[in-house]
Amino acid sequence: MTSPAAKRVRKRRAVLRAAGLRPIQIWAPDTRRPGFAEEARRQSRLAAASDLADQDLLEFLDAGVADMSEE
């Protein structure tokens, strides 16, 4: 016997498929894992240092901010 919840899920999935969509599975980092926060901070510091060292990027961002302030 199929539960009412399973019937609703099956109906919803049928509607989504009829709309041209398909289910996919996405794997994401487990933010609850020990060490996750420390690794995220480490990678953020590396990215920030890299951005600061990239003069072309800084000029590009400055130009973008200047364009936004002209509007």
N, C-alpha and C. Protein backbone atom coordinates (compact mmCIF):
# COMPACT_ATOMS: atom_id res chain seq x y z
N MET A 1 0.85 -1.19 0.00
CA MET A 1 0.00 0.00 0.00
C MET A 1 0.89 1.25 0.00
N THR A 2 0.57 2.19 -0.85
CA THR A 2 1.36 3.42 -0.96
C THR A 2 0.81 4.47 -0.01
N SER A 3 1.70 5.13 0.70
CA SER A 3 1.28 6.16 1.65
C SER A 3 0.82 7.41 0.90
N PRO A 4 -0.03 8.22 1.54
CA PRO A 4 -0.47 9.48 0.91
C PRO A 4 0.71 10.40 0.57
N ALA A 5 1.72 10.42 1.41
CA ALA A 5 2.90 11.26 1.14
C ALA A 5 3.61 10.79 -0.12
N ALA A 6 3.77 9.48 -0.27
CA ALA A 6 4.44 8.94 -1.46
C ALA A 6 3.64 9.25 -2.72
N LYS A 7 2.31 9.22 -2.61
CA LYS A 7 1.47 9.56 -3.77
C LYS A 7 1.65 11.03 -4.15
N ARG A 8 1.72 11.91 -3.15
CA ARG A 8 1.92 13.35 -3.42
C ARG A 8 3.28 13.58 -4.09
N VAL A 9 4.29 12.91 -3.60
CA VAL A 9 5.64 13.05 -4.17
C VAL A 9 5.64 12.56 -5.62
N ARG A 10 5.02 11.41 -5.87
CA ARG A 10 4.98 10.86 -7.22
C ARG A 10 4.23 11.82 -8.16
N LYS A 11 3.12 12.39 -7.68
CA LYS A 11 2.35 13.34 -8.49
C LYS A 11 3.17 14.59 -8.79
N ARG A 12 3.83 15.11 -7.78
CA ARG A 12 4.65 16.32 -7.95
C ARG A 12 5.78 16.08 -8.94
N ARG A 13 6.43 14.93 -8.83
CA ARG A 13 7.52 14.60 -9.76
C ARG A 13 7.00 14.44 -11.18
N ALA A 14 5.81 13.89 -11.34
CA ALA A 14 5.22 13.75 -12.67
C ALA A 14 4.96 15.12 -13.29
N VAL A 15 4.49 16.06 -12.47
CA VAL A 15 4.24 17.42 -12.95
C VAL A 15 5.56 18.07 -13.38
N LEU A 16 6.59 17.91 -12.59
CA LEU A 16 7.89 18.49 -12.91
C LEU A 16 8.47 17.87 -14.19
N ARG A 17 8.34 16.56 -14.33
CA ARG A 17 8.82 15.91 -15.56
C ARG A 17 8.05 16.39 -16.77
N ALA A 18 6.74 16.56 -16.61
CA ALA A 18 5.91 17.06 -17.71
C ALA A 18 6.31 18.47 -18.11
N ALA A 19 6.88 19.21 -17.17
CA ALA A 19 7.35 20.57 -17.44
C ALA A 19 8.74 20.57 -18.06
N GLY A 20 9.29 19.38 -18.33
CA GLY A 20 10.59 19.29 -18.97
C GLY A 20 11.76 19.23 -18.01
N LEU A 21 11.49 19.01 -16.74
CA LEU A 21 12.57 18.94 -15.75
C LEU A 21 12.89 17.49 -15.44
N ARG A 22 14.08 17.28 -14.90
CA ARG A 22 14.47 15.94 -14.49
C ARG A 22 15.20 16.02 -13.16
N PRO A 23 15.09 14.98 -12.34
CA PRO A 23 15.77 15.02 -11.04
C PRO A 23 17.27 14.79 -11.22
N ILE A 24 18.03 15.46 -10.39
CA ILE A 24 19.48 15.24 -10.36
C ILE A 24 19.90 15.17 -8.89
N GLN A 25 21.05 14.62 -8.65
CA GLN A 25 21.59 14.54 -7.30
C GLN A 25 22.79 15.47 -7.22
N ILE A 26 22.82 16.29 -6.19
CA ILE A 26 23.92 17.23 -5.99
C ILE A 26 24.60 16.92 -4.66
N TRP A 27 25.91 16.79 -4.71
CA TRP A 27 26.69 16.58 -3.50
C TRP A 27 27.28 17.91 -3.06
N ALA A 28 27.11 18.22 -1.81
CA ALA A 28 27.62 19.47 -1.26
C ALA A 28 28.50 19.17 -0.05
N PRO A 29 29.41 20.09 0.28
CA PRO A 29 30.25 19.88 1.45
C PRO A 29 29.40 19.75 2.72
N ASP A 30 29.82 18.90 3.62
CA ASP A 30 29.14 18.73 4.90
C ASP A 30 29.68 19.78 5.86
N THR A 31 28.90 20.82 6.06
CA THR A 31 29.34 21.93 6.91
C THR A 31 29.41 21.55 8.38
N ARG A 32 28.86 20.39 8.73
CA ARG A 32 28.91 19.93 10.13
C ARG A 32 30.16 19.13 10.43
N ARG A 33 30.92 18.81 9.42
CA ARG A 33 32.11 17.97 9.57
C ARG A 33 33.19 18.71 10.37
N PRO A 34 33.83 18.01 11.29
CA PRO A 34 34.93 18.65 12.04
C PRO A 34 36.00 19.17 11.07
N GLY A 35 36.45 20.37 11.30
CA GLY A 35 37.49 20.95 10.47
C GLY A 35 36.97 21.73 9.28
N PHE A 36 35.65 21.65 9.01
CA PHE A 36 35.10 22.35 7.86
C PHE A 36 35.32 23.86 7.96
N ALA A 37 34.97 24.44 9.10
CA ALA A 37 35.06 25.90 9.27
C ALA A 37 36.50 26.37 9.12
N GLU A 38 37.43 25.62 9.69
CA GLU A 38 38.84 26.02 9.59
C GLU A 38 39.31 25.98 8.14
N GLU A 39 38.92 24.93 7.41
CA GLU A 39 39.32 24.82 6.00
C GLU A 39 38.67 25.92 5.17
N ALA A 40 37.43 26.26 5.46
CA ALA A 40 36.75 27.34 4.74
C ALA A 40 37.47 28.68 4.99
N ARG A 41 37.86 28.92 6.23
CA ARG A 41 38.60 30.16 6.53
C ARG A 41 39.94 30.18 5.81
N ARG A 42 40.63 29.04 5.80
CA ARG A 42 41.93 28.96 5.12
C ARG A 42 41.78 29.28 3.63
N GLN A 43 40.80 28.68 3.00
CA GLN A 43 40.59 28.92 1.58
C GLN A 43 40.14 30.35 1.30
N SER A 44 39.34 30.91 2.20
CA SER A 44 38.90 32.30 2.04
C SER A 44 40.08 33.26 2.13
N ARG A 45 40.99 33.00 3.08
CA ARG A 45 42.18 33.86 3.20
C ARG A 45 43.04 33.77 1.94
N LEU A 46 43.20 32.56 1.40
CA LEU A 46 43.98 32.40 0.17
C LEU A 46 43.34 33.15 -0.99
N ALA A 47 42.02 33.04 -1.11
CA ALA A 47 41.32 33.73 -2.20
C ALA A 47 41.43 35.24 -2.05
N ALA A 48 41.28 35.74 -0.82
CA ALA A 48 41.37 37.18 -0.58
C ALA A 48 42.78 37.69 -0.89
N ALA A 49 43.79 36.95 -0.47
CA ALA A 49 45.17 37.37 -0.74
C ALA A 49 45.45 37.36 -2.24
N SER A 50 44.93 36.38 -2.92
CA SER A 50 45.11 36.30 -4.38
C SER A 50 44.44 37.48 -5.07
N ASP A 51 43.23 37.81 -4.63
CA ASP A 51 42.51 38.95 -5.22
C ASP A 51 43.27 40.26 -5.00
N LEU A 52 43.81 40.44 -3.81
CA LEU A 52 44.53 41.67 -3.51
C LEU A 52 45.81 41.79 -4.33
N ALA A 53 46.39 40.67 -4.70
CA ALA A 53 47.63 40.67 -5.47
C ALA A 53 47.38 40.84 -6.97
N ASP A 54 46.13 40.77 -7.39
CA ASP A 54 45.79 40.84 -8.82
C ASP A 54 45.37 42.27 -9.18
N GLN A 55 46.30 43.06 -9.67
CA GLN A 55 46.04 44.46 -9.98
C GLN A 55 44.96 44.61 -11.05
N ASP A 56 44.98 43.74 -12.06
CA ASP A 56 43.95 43.80 -13.11
C ASP A 56 42.56 43.61 -12.53
N LEU A 57 42.42 42.68 -11.60
CA LEU A 57 41.12 42.45 -10.97
C LEU A 57 40.69 43.67 -10.18
N LEU A 58 41.61 44.26 -9.42
CA LEU A 58 41.27 45.45 -8.63
C LEU A 58 40.81 46.59 -9.53
N GLU A 59 41.50 46.79 -10.65
CA GLU A 59 41.10 47.85 -11.59
C GLU A 59 39.73 47.55 -12.20
N PHE A 60 39.49 46.28 -12.53
CA PHE A 60 38.20 45.87 -13.08
C PHE A 60 37.07 46.14 -12.09
N LEU A 61 37.29 45.78 -10.82
CA LEU A 61 36.28 46.01 -9.80
C LEU A 61 36.05 47.50 -9.57
N ASP A 62 37.12 48.27 -9.53
CA ASP A 62 36.99 49.72 -9.37
C ASP A 62 36.18 50.32 -10.51
N ALA A 63 36.43 49.87 -11.74
CA ALA A 63 35.69 50.37 -12.89
C ALA A 63 34.21 50.00 -12.77
N GLY A 64 33.94 48.82 -12.30
CA GLY A 64 32.55 48.40 -12.12
C GLY A 64 31.83 49.24 -11.10
N VAL A 65 32.49 49.54 -9.99
CA VAL A 65 31.89 50.38 -8.96
C VAL A 65 31.68 51.79 -9.51
N ALA A 66 32.63 52.29 -10.28
CA ALA A 66 32.48 53.63 -10.87
C ALA A 66 31.30 53.68 -11.83
N ASP A 67 31.11 52.61 -12.62
CA ASP A 67 29.96 52.55 -13.54
C ASP A 67 28.65 52.56 -12.77
N MET A 68 28.60 51.85 -11.65
CA MET A 68 27.37 51.80 -10.87
C MET A 68 27.06 53.13 -10.23
N SER A 69 28.06 53.88 -9.84
CA SER A 69 27.81 55.15 -9.16
C SER A 69 27.42 56.25 -10.15
N GLU A 70 27.65 56.02 -11.45
CA GLU A 70 27.28 57.01 -12.46
C GLU A 70 25.80 56.95 -12.78
N GLU A 71 25.14 55.84 -12.46
CA GLU A 71 23.72 55.68 -12.80
C GLU A 71 22.83 56.38 -11.83
